[in-house]
């Protein structure tokens, strides 16, 4: 395959939290190592990208938004001096009326920057699925879109957990952008997703033809995420699940640890930053286990690998996952995983971990208790997880398989023209 000029779009790419920043960083690096030239178009927060010593290249193209959801000032109202045009007015007005504008407004800004798209052989969108993509598609630009999972699943789980009718209406307004994403996904010829489970959900939720969907699992850097040299900390449990969103299952995990703490010495380390007045911290206070739980955030890959490798068990308690990078990173560190039997987690973890019923703190507590009591089983599961990652979850494979999809998209566009 000759070197390609690739525009890789990501509406927000937080480096050390969530999957989008991880995905664009590692995919762009490995595509460049294959000889391709990748421009990563991203809104705030911008990703950390790796420098590549030929033959290809990676470059960040900043697509500034009004950054209405920054960590230190979420839902801020920008000064009029910050507004630059109609897209900014759309972004602010959508936020003021309870919606989430970023997927749409990012796609419009990116389409403006890309112009006719002639500077690139292919445009690859990562999860925004905004109407700006359709403008590029109409011009004959080859388009590929990655959908990690349909966000309608998050919407439905959050609406179901909402305590009041007003809250349910508010959530439906916030997730109104998913209607746009479904419309755009149906009109794009090539969709990439990360698991067979997500492929089925995308076909069902968004109405995408199954034949248009390619499954390419996400990778992990097994040189960084590797078994530890130091002894593991007795009783330490690690989870990347501190989000207040119900879909991540943090409340279930905290309740399970509270049950364990009545009978054994355990420490839960949660990666992330929950809201100061949010349900996660309130539950920890109600259960009086503040001395058993601590939070860490903004970890580098090396620091996260060290933390995962220090744990006796890693937990993924989510009510749904389209893939789960944290599960694969823990498995790469030979840390045994306890995960919910939900979404793609059984597909990703397989028989290399312990699967429990999603949303059941009692079953999760029993699984953790049994595993913490059985060092031989922990060692066996940890080695099996490392072997599974080495065989199946490589960023080199992700890049090569994605480049094959690019080639198909380019041929589709040529035939259509």
Protein backbone atom coordinates (compact mmCIF):
# COMPACT_ATOMS: atom_id res chain seq x y z
CA UNK A 1 0.00 0.00 0.00
CA UNK A 2 1.41 3.44 -0.89
CA UNK A 3 1.69 6.04 1.91
CA UNK A 4 -1.67 7.66 2.68
CA UNK A 5 -2.49 11.19 3.83
CA UNK A 6 -4.94 10.66 6.70
CA UNK A 7 -7.06 13.15 8.66
CA UNK A 8 -7.96 11.54 12.00
CA UNK A 9 -10.76 13.45 13.76
CA UNK A 10 -11.54 13.35 17.50
CA UNK A 11 -13.87 15.89 19.07
CA UNK A 12 -12.17 15.59 22.48
CA UNK A 13 -9.05 13.60 23.27
CA UNK A 14 -8.27 13.69 26.98
CA UNK A 15 -4.85 12.04 27.28
CA UNK A 16 -5.22 9.94 30.42
CA UNK A 17 -8.94 9.43 30.92
CA UNK A 18 -11.46 7.82 28.60
CA UNK A 19 -10.75 5.93 25.42
CA UNK A 20 -10.70 8.62 22.72
CA UNK A 21 -7.34 10.18 23.55
CA UNK A 22 -5.79 6.73 23.98
CA UNK A 23 -7.20 5.57 20.64
CA UNK A 24 -6.00 8.51 18.53
CA UNK A 25 -2.56 8.57 20.16
CA UNK A 26 -1.70 4.92 19.57
CA UNK A 27 -3.46 4.51 16.23
CA UNK A 28 -1.79 7.61 14.75
CA UNK A 29 1.64 6.45 15.93
CA UNK A 30 1.34 2.97 14.44
CA UNK A 31 -0.12 4.28 11.17
CA UNK A 32 2.91 6.57 10.91
CA UNK A 33 5.24 3.65 11.55
CA UNK A 34 3.59 1.93 8.58
CA UNK A 35 4.65 4.93 6.48
CA UNK A 36 1.43 6.96 6.47
CA UNK A 37 1.11 10.69 7.27
CA UNK A 38 -1.52 11.41 9.93
CA UNK A 39 -2.94 14.78 10.92
CA UNK A 40 -4.94 14.47 14.13
CA UNK A 41 -7.73 17.09 14.19
CA UNK A 42 -8.91 17.44 17.80
CA UNK A 43 -10.91 19.76 19.97
CA UNK A 44 -10.03 20.45 23.60
CA UNK A 45 -8.75 18.69 25.58
CA UNK A 46 -6.00 17.95 23.09
CA UNK A 47 -4.28 14.55 22.99
CA UNK A 48 -0.72 13.63 23.76
CA UNK A 49 0.77 12.39 20.48
CA UNK A 50 3.99 10.45 19.97
CA UNK A 51 6.82 11.57 17.75
CA UNK A 52 7.73 9.04 15.06
CA UNK A 53 11.13 8.66 13.43
CA UNK A 54 10.02 8.07 9.80
CA UNK A 55 8.91 6.93 7.42
CA UNK A 56 5.51 8.45 8.23
CA UNK A 57 4.53 11.38 10.44
CA UNK A 58 2.03 12.51 13.07
CA UNK A 59 0.88 16.12 13.52
CA UNK A 60 -1.72 17.72 15.77
CA UNK A 61 -4.14 20.18 14.17
CA UNK A 62 -5.98 22.03 16.93
CA UNK A 63 -9.69 22.63 16.33
CA UNK A 64 -10.46 25.16 19.08
CA UNK A 65 -13.91 25.14 20.60
CA UNK A 66 -15.21 27.35 23.39
CA UNK A 67 -14.20 24.50 25.75
CA UNK A 68 -17.44 24.70 27.70
CA UNK A 69 -16.77 21.53 29.72
CA UNK A 70 -13.21 22.04 30.94
CA UNK A 71 -12.43 20.28 34.22
CA UNK A 72 -11.79 23.46 36.18
CA UNK A 73 -14.85 25.35 34.91
CA UNK A 74 -17.56 23.05 33.50
CA UNK A 75 -20.66 24.53 31.84
CA UNK A 76 -19.00 27.92 31.75
CA UNK A 77 -20.51 30.87 29.90
CA UNK A 78 -17.78 32.38 27.67
CA UNK A 79 -17.29 36.08 27.24
CA UNK A 80 -18.66 37.55 24.02
CA UNK A 81 -15.08 38.39 23.06
CA UNK A 82 -14.40 34.65 22.75
CA UNK A 83 -17.13 34.11 20.14
CA UNK A 84 -15.87 33.79 16.57
CA UNK A 85 -18.96 33.04 14.53
CA UNK A 86 -22.21 31.15 14.11
CA UNK A 87 -20.80 27.77 15.17
CA UNK A 88 -19.78 29.28 18.51
CA UNK A 89 -23.28 30.74 18.92
CA UNK A 90 -24.74 27.28 18.19
CA UNK A 91 -22.42 25.71 20.77
CA UNK A 92 -23.36 28.13 23.54
CA UNK A 93 -27.09 28.12 22.82
CA UNK A 94 -27.19 24.31 22.78
CA UNK A 95 -25.45 24.19 26.17
CA UNK A 96 -27.79 26.86 27.58
CA UNK A 97 -30.79 24.75 26.57
CA UNK A 98 -29.43 21.56 28.17
CA UNK A 99 -27.93 19.84 25.13
CA UNK A 100 -24.42 18.57 24.41
CA UNK A 101 -23.15 20.38 21.30
CA UNK A 102 -19.57 19.15 20.87
CA UNK A 103 -20.03 16.28 18.37
CA UNK A 104 -21.96 18.55 16.00
CA UNK A 105 -19.95 21.75 16.39
CA UNK A 106 -16.60 19.93 16.19
CA UNK A 107 -17.63 18.25 12.95
CA UNK A 108 -18.68 21.60 11.45
CA UNK A 109 -15.38 23.25 12.44
CA UNK A 110 -13.36 20.29 11.17
CA UNK A 111 -15.21 20.32 7.85
CA UNK A 112 -14.41 24.02 7.49
CA UNK A 113 -10.71 23.42 8.18
CA UNK A 114 -10.60 20.46 5.79
CA UNK A 115 -12.17 22.50 2.98
CA UNK A 116 -12.89 20.23 0.07
CA UNK A 117 -10.88 17.43 1.71
CA UNK A 118 -8.53 17.18 -1.28
CA UNK A 119 -5.44 17.40 0.95
CA UNK A 120 -6.17 13.90 2.28
CA UNK A 121 -6.67 10.43 0.85
CA UNK A 122 -9.10 9.51 3.64
CA UNK A 123 -10.83 11.15 6.61
CA UNK A 124 -11.27 8.98 9.72
CA UNK A 125 -13.75 10.21 12.32
CA UNK A 126 -13.51 8.93 15.88
CA UNK A 127 -16.99 8.85 17.45
CA UNK A 128 -18.21 12.39 16.67
CA UNK A 129 -20.57 11.37 13.83
CA UNK A 130 -21.54 15.00 13.25
CA UNK A 131 -23.31 16.47 10.23
CA UNK A 132 -20.07 18.05 9.04
CA UNK A 133 -18.96 14.57 7.91
CA UNK A 134 -21.87 14.37 5.49
CA UNK A 135 -20.71 17.58 3.81
CA UNK A 136 -17.35 15.91 3.18
CA UNK A 137 -19.03 12.70 2.05
CA UNK A 138 -21.11 14.60 -0.52
CA UNK A 139 -17.90 16.01 -1.97
CA UNK A 140 -16.66 12.48 -2.59
CA UNK A 141 -14.11 12.41 0.27
CA UNK A 142 -13.46 8.82 1.45
CA UNK A 143 -14.84 8.64 5.01
CA UNK A 144 -14.30 6.00 7.71
CA UNK A 145 -15.89 6.36 11.15
CA UNK A 146 -15.04 4.54 14.37
CA UNK A 147 -17.95 3.95 16.73
CA UNK A 148 -16.69 2.44 19.97
CA UNK A 149 -20.30 1.79 20.93
CA UNK A 150 -23.60 3.60 20.31
CA UNK A 151 -24.04 6.30 22.97
CA UNK A 152 -27.76 5.49 23.03
CA UNK A 153 -26.78 2.67 25.42
CA UNK A 154 -25.34 5.21 27.89
CA UNK A 155 -28.48 7.32 27.49
CA UNK A 156 -30.85 4.48 28.23
CA UNK A 157 -28.91 3.34 31.32
CA UNK A 158 -28.74 6.86 32.73
CA UNK A 159 -32.41 7.55 32.04
CA UNK A 160 -33.38 4.29 33.74
CA UNK A 161 -31.35 5.28 36.83
CA UNK A 162 -32.73 8.84 37.00
CA UNK A 163 -34.72 9.47 40.22
CA UNK A 164 -37.27 11.96 38.83
CA UNK A 165 -39.21 12.69 35.65
CA UNK A 166 -37.50 16.08 35.39
CA UNK A 167 -34.08 14.41 35.51
CA UNK A 168 -35.14 11.93 32.83
CA UNK A 169 -36.28 14.78 30.57
CA UNK A 170 -33.00 16.59 31.20
CA UNK A 171 -30.99 13.50 30.23
CA UNK A 172 -32.97 13.00 27.04
CA UNK A 173 -32.23 16.58 26.07
CA UNK A 174 -28.51 16.12 26.85
CA UNK A 175 -28.35 13.00 24.69
CA UNK A 176 -30.33 14.51 21.79
CA UNK A 177 -27.13 14.43 19.69
CA UNK A 178 -27.47 10.63 19.40
CA UNK A 179 -30.24 11.11 16.82
CA UNK A 180 -27.74 12.96 14.64
CA UNK A 181 -25.14 10.23 15.18
CA UNK A 182 -27.57 7.54 14.04
CA UNK A 183 -28.48 9.50 10.90
CA UNK A 184 -24.85 10.12 10.00
CA UNK A 185 -23.76 6.53 10.73
CA UNK A 186 -26.42 5.15 8.36
CA UNK A 187 -25.12 7.34 5.52
CA UNK A 188 -21.43 6.50 5.83
CA UNK A 189 -20.17 3.54 3.80
CA UNK A 190 -17.48 2.28 6.21
CA UNK A 191 -17.81 1.87 9.98
CA UNK A 192 -15.12 0.48 12.29
CA UNK A 193 -15.95 -0.79 15.77
CA UNK A 194 -14.01 -2.51 18.52
CA UNK A 195 -15.97 -5.69 19.32
CA UNK A 196 -18.57 -8.04 17.91
CA UNK A 197 -20.90 -6.95 20.69
CA UNK A 198 -20.61 -3.31 19.63
CA UNK A 199 -21.14 -4.28 15.98
CA UNK A 200 -24.48 -5.85 16.91
CA UNK A 201 -25.46 -2.84 19.03
CA UNK A 202 -24.57 -0.39 16.24
CA UNK A 203 -26.64 -2.34 13.73
CA UNK A 204 -29.61 -2.44 16.12
CA UNK A 205 -29.42 1.03 17.70
CA UNK A 206 -28.28 3.08 14.69
CA UNK A 207 -29.72 1.02 11.84
CA UNK A 208 -26.32 0.52 10.18
CA UNK A 209 -26.12 -2.36 7.69
CA UNK A 210 -24.03 -5.15 9.27
CA UNK A 211 -22.01 -5.50 6.06
CA UNK A 212 -20.73 -1.93 6.46
CA UNK A 213 -19.17 -2.67 9.89
CA UNK A 214 -15.58 -3.91 10.38
CA UNK A 215 -14.53 -5.20 13.83
CA UNK A 216 -10.99 -4.20 14.86
CA UNK A 217 -10.28 -4.65 18.60
CA UNK A 218 -8.32 -1.95 20.41
CA UNK A 219 -4.67 -2.56 21.28
CA UNK A 220 -2.38 -2.09 24.25
CA UNK A 221 1.33 -1.31 24.53
CA UNK A 222 2.66 -4.53 26.08
CA UNK A 223 6.11 -2.97 26.60
CA UNK A 224 4.64 -0.40 28.99
CA UNK A 225 1.83 -2.53 30.41
CA UNK A 226 3.71 -5.61 31.57
CA UNK A 227 3.91 -7.85 34.65
CA UNK A 228 5.48 -6.08 37.64
CA UNK A 229 8.95 -6.70 38.97
CA UNK A 230 7.97 -5.64 42.52
CA UNK A 231 5.66 -7.64 44.81
CA UNK A 232 1.96 -6.79 44.68
CA UNK A 233 0.35 -4.92 47.56
CA UNK A 234 -1.73 -7.33 49.69
CA UNK A 235 -5.45 -6.57 49.52
CA UNK A 236 -5.10 -3.84 46.87
CA UNK A 237 -7.93 -3.59 44.33
CA UNK A 238 -7.63 -1.16 41.39
CA UNK A 239 -10.40 0.09 39.13
CA UNK A 240 -10.68 2.70 36.39
CA UNK A 241 -14.31 3.34 37.31
CA UNK A 242 -14.55 6.50 39.38
CA UNK A 243 -16.95 8.28 37.02
CA UNK A 244 -20.27 9.32 38.54
CA UNK A 245 -22.08 8.00 35.46
CA UNK A 246 -24.14 4.90 36.35
CA UNK A 247 -22.77 3.05 33.31
CA UNK A 248 -19.33 2.69 34.92
CA UNK A 249 -20.66 0.82 37.96
CA UNK A 250 -18.57 2.71 40.54
CA UNK A 251 -21.38 2.61 43.11
CA UNK A 252 -21.64 -1.16 42.74
CA UNK A 253 -17.91 -1.55 43.33
CA UNK A 254 -17.93 0.73 46.39
CA UNK A 255 -20.79 -1.24 47.94
CA UNK A 256 -18.91 -4.49 47.27
CA UNK A 257 -15.74 -3.12 48.90
CA UNK A 258 -17.75 -1.95 51.89
CA UNK A 259 -18.96 -5.55 52.34
CA UNK A 260 -15.40 -6.87 52.04
CA UNK A 261 -14.07 -4.29 54.49
CA UNK A 262 -16.17 -5.72 57.31
CA UNK A 263 -14.20 -9.01 57.12
CA UNK A 264 -10.77 -8.29 55.63
CA UNK A 265 -8.16 -5.63 55.08
CA UNK A 266 -8.66 -4.20 51.58
CA UNK A 267 -7.67 -1.02 49.78
CA UNK A 268 -9.51 0.29 46.71
CA UNK A 269 -7.60 2.62 44.38
CA UNK A 270 -9.85 4.26 41.79
CA UNK A 271 -8.38 5.98 38.74
CA UNK A 272 -10.20 9.19 37.90
CA UNK A 273 -11.70 12.25 39.53
CA UNK A 274 -15.31 12.04 40.76
CA UNK A 275 -17.39 15.14 41.35
CA UNK A 276 -16.89 16.65 44.78
CA UNK A 277 -20.64 16.70 45.43
CA UNK A 278 -21.41 13.65 43.30
CA UNK A 279 -22.98 10.29 44.20
CA UNK A 280 -19.68 8.37 44.34
CA UNK A 281 -18.16 10.46 47.14
CA UNK A 282 -21.50 10.68 48.94
CA UNK A 283 -21.79 6.89 48.98
CA UNK A 284 -18.25 6.47 50.31
CA UNK A 285 -19.13 8.87 53.13
CA UNK A 286 -22.44 7.10 53.85
CA UNK A 287 -20.70 3.72 54.07
CA UNK A 288 -17.86 5.15 56.20
CA UNK A 289 -15.11 3.59 54.09
CA UNK A 290 -13.19 6.75 53.27
CA UNK A 291 -10.02 5.29 54.78
CA UNK A 292 -10.31 2.27 52.43
CA UNK A 293 -10.72 4.21 49.17
CA UNK A 294 -8.42 6.67 47.43
CA UNK A 295 -8.48 8.36 44.03
CA UNK A 296 -5.66 9.09 41.62
CA UNK A 297 -5.89 10.94 38.32
CA UNK A 298 -3.93 12.24 35.34
CA UNK A 299 -1.55 9.27 35.39
CA UNK A 300 0.93 8.68 32.61
CA UNK A 301 0.83 5.27 30.93
CA UNK A 302 3.91 4.26 32.91
CA UNK A 303 2.34 5.31 36.24
CA UNK A 304 -0.94 3.57 35.40
CA UNK A 305 0.92 0.37 34.48
CA UNK A 306 2.81 0.51 37.76
CA UNK A 307 -0.45 0.95 39.68
CA UNK A 308 -2.20 -1.91 37.86
CA UNK A 309 0.82 -4.11 38.44
CA UNK A 310 0.77 -3.36 42.18
CA UNK A 311 -2.79 -4.68 42.61
CA UNK A 312 -3.84 -8.19 43.49
CA UNK A 313 -7.07 -7.72 41.52
CA UNK A 314 -8.40 -5.25 38.95
CA UNK A 315 -12.15 -4.65 38.64
CA UNK A 316 -14.27 -3.49 35.69
CA UNK A 317 -17.77 -3.17 37.23
CA UNK A 318 -19.40 -1.42 34.26
CA UNK A 319 -23.02 -1.96 33.32
CA UNK A 320 -21.91 -1.77 29.68
CA UNK A 321 -18.64 -1.53 27.75
CA UNK A 322 -18.12 -1.45 24.01
CA UNK A 323 -14.62 -2.84 24.58
CA UNK A 324 -12.76 -1.81 27.82
CA UNK A 325 -9.21 -0.59 27.49
CA UNK A 326 -8.76 -0.77 31.31
CA UNK A 327 -9.50 -4.51 31.28
CA UNK A 328 -6.91 -5.14 28.58
CA UNK A 329 -4.32 -2.94 30.29
CA UNK A 330 -4.78 -4.87 33.55
CA UNK A 331 -4.54 -8.20 31.73
CA UNK A 332 -1.32 -7.04 30.06
CA UNK A 333 0.09 -6.45 33.57
CA UNK A 334 -0.86 -10.06 34.48
CA UNK A 335 -3.31 -8.66 37.04
CA UNK A 336 -6.38 -10.90 37.36
CA UNK A 337 -9.60 -9.17 36.33
CA UNK A 338 -13.08 -9.35 37.81
CA UNK A 339 -15.53 -7.89 35.30
CA UNK A 340 -19.26 -7.55 34.78
CA UNK A 341 -20.99 -9.92 32.43
CA UNK A 342 -22.12 -6.95 30.32
CA UNK A 343 -21.54 -5.53 26.85
CA UNK A 344 -18.28 -6.67 25.29
CA UNK A 345 -16.56 -7.56 28.59
CA UNK A 346 -17.13 -11.34 28.28
CA UNK A 347 -15.78 -11.14 24.71
CA UNK A 348 -12.68 -9.20 25.79
CA UNK A 349 -11.87 -11.02 29.05
CA UNK A 350 -13.07 -14.50 27.99
CA UNK A 351 -11.92 -17.21 30.42
CA UNK A 352 -8.92 -15.16 31.58
CA UNK A 353 -10.89 -13.46 34.35
CA UNK A 354 -13.90 -13.80 36.64
CA UNK A 355 -17.25 -12.62 35.28
CA UNK A 356 -20.07 -11.53 37.60
CA UNK A 357 -23.60 -10.26 37.18
CA UNK A 358 -23.64 -6.56 36.31
CA UNK A 359 -25.03 -4.31 39.04
CA UNK A 360 -24.86 -6.94 41.82
CA UNK A 361 -22.54 -5.78 44.67
CA UNK A 362 -23.07 -9.00 46.61
CA UNK A 363 -21.89 -11.24 43.78
CA UNK A 364 -18.98 -8.90 43.09
CA UNK A 365 -17.93 -8.95 46.77
CA UNK A 366 -18.01 -12.77 46.85
CA UNK A 367 -15.93 -13.00 43.66
CA UNK A 368 -13.34 -10.60 45.06
CA UNK A 369 -13.25 -12.40 48.40
CA UNK A 370 -12.68 -15.78 46.73
CA UNK A 371 -9.97 -14.44 44.45
CA UNK A 372 -8.11 -12.60 47.21
CA UNK A 373 -8.06 -15.90 49.15
CA UNK A 374 -6.58 -17.87 46.24
CA UNK A 375 -3.09 -16.72 45.15
CA UNK A 376 -2.61 -19.70 42.83
CA UNK A 377 -5.79 -18.84 40.92
CA UNK A 378 -4.78 -15.18 40.73
CA UNK A 379 -1.44 -16.18 39.24
CA UNK A 380 -3.07 -18.54 36.74
CA UNK A 381 -5.61 -15.96 35.57
CA UNK A 382 -2.95 -13.26 35.39
CA UNK A 383 -0.68 -15.31 33.15
CA UNK A 384 -3.62 -16.33 30.93
CA UNK A 385 -4.66 -12.67 30.60
CA UNK A 386 -1.16 -11.60 29.58
CA UNK A 387 -1.03 -14.37 26.96
CA UNK A 388 -4.43 -13.35 25.59
CA UNK A 389 -3.41 -9.71 25.24
CA UNK A 390 -0.12 -10.57 23.53
CA UNK A 391 -1.95 -12.76 21.02
CA UNK A 392 -4.98 -10.55 20.29
CA UNK A 393 -4.64 -6.89 21.29
CA UNK A 394 -1.78 -5.20 19.44
CA UNK A 395 -1.76 -1.59 18.19
CA UNK A 396 0.34 -2.77 15.25
CA UNK A 397 -2.53 -5.06 14.21
CA UNK A 398 -5.08 -2.28 14.80
CA UNK A 399 -3.19 0.08 12.48
CA UNK A 400 -2.69 -2.51 9.73
CA UNK A 401 -6.34 -3.60 9.79
CA UNK A 402 -7.53 0.02 9.84
CA UNK A 403 -5.33 0.86 6.84
CA UNK A 404 -7.02 -2.00 4.96
CA UNK A 405 -10.41 -0.39 5.69
CA UNK A 406 -9.01 2.93 4.40
CA UNK A 407 -8.04 1.22 1.14
CA UNK A 408 -11.58 -0.15 0.76
CA UNK A 409 -13.09 3.29 1.48
CA UNK A 410 -10.84 4.91 -1.13
CA UNK A 411 -11.87 2.33 -3.73
CA UNK A 412 -15.55 2.87 -2.82
CA UNK A 413 -15.19 6.63 -3.34
CA UNK A 414 -13.43 6.19 -6.69
CA UNK A 415 -16.14 3.83 -7.91
CA UNK A 416 -18.85 6.24 -6.79
CA UNK A 417 -17.20 9.17 -8.59
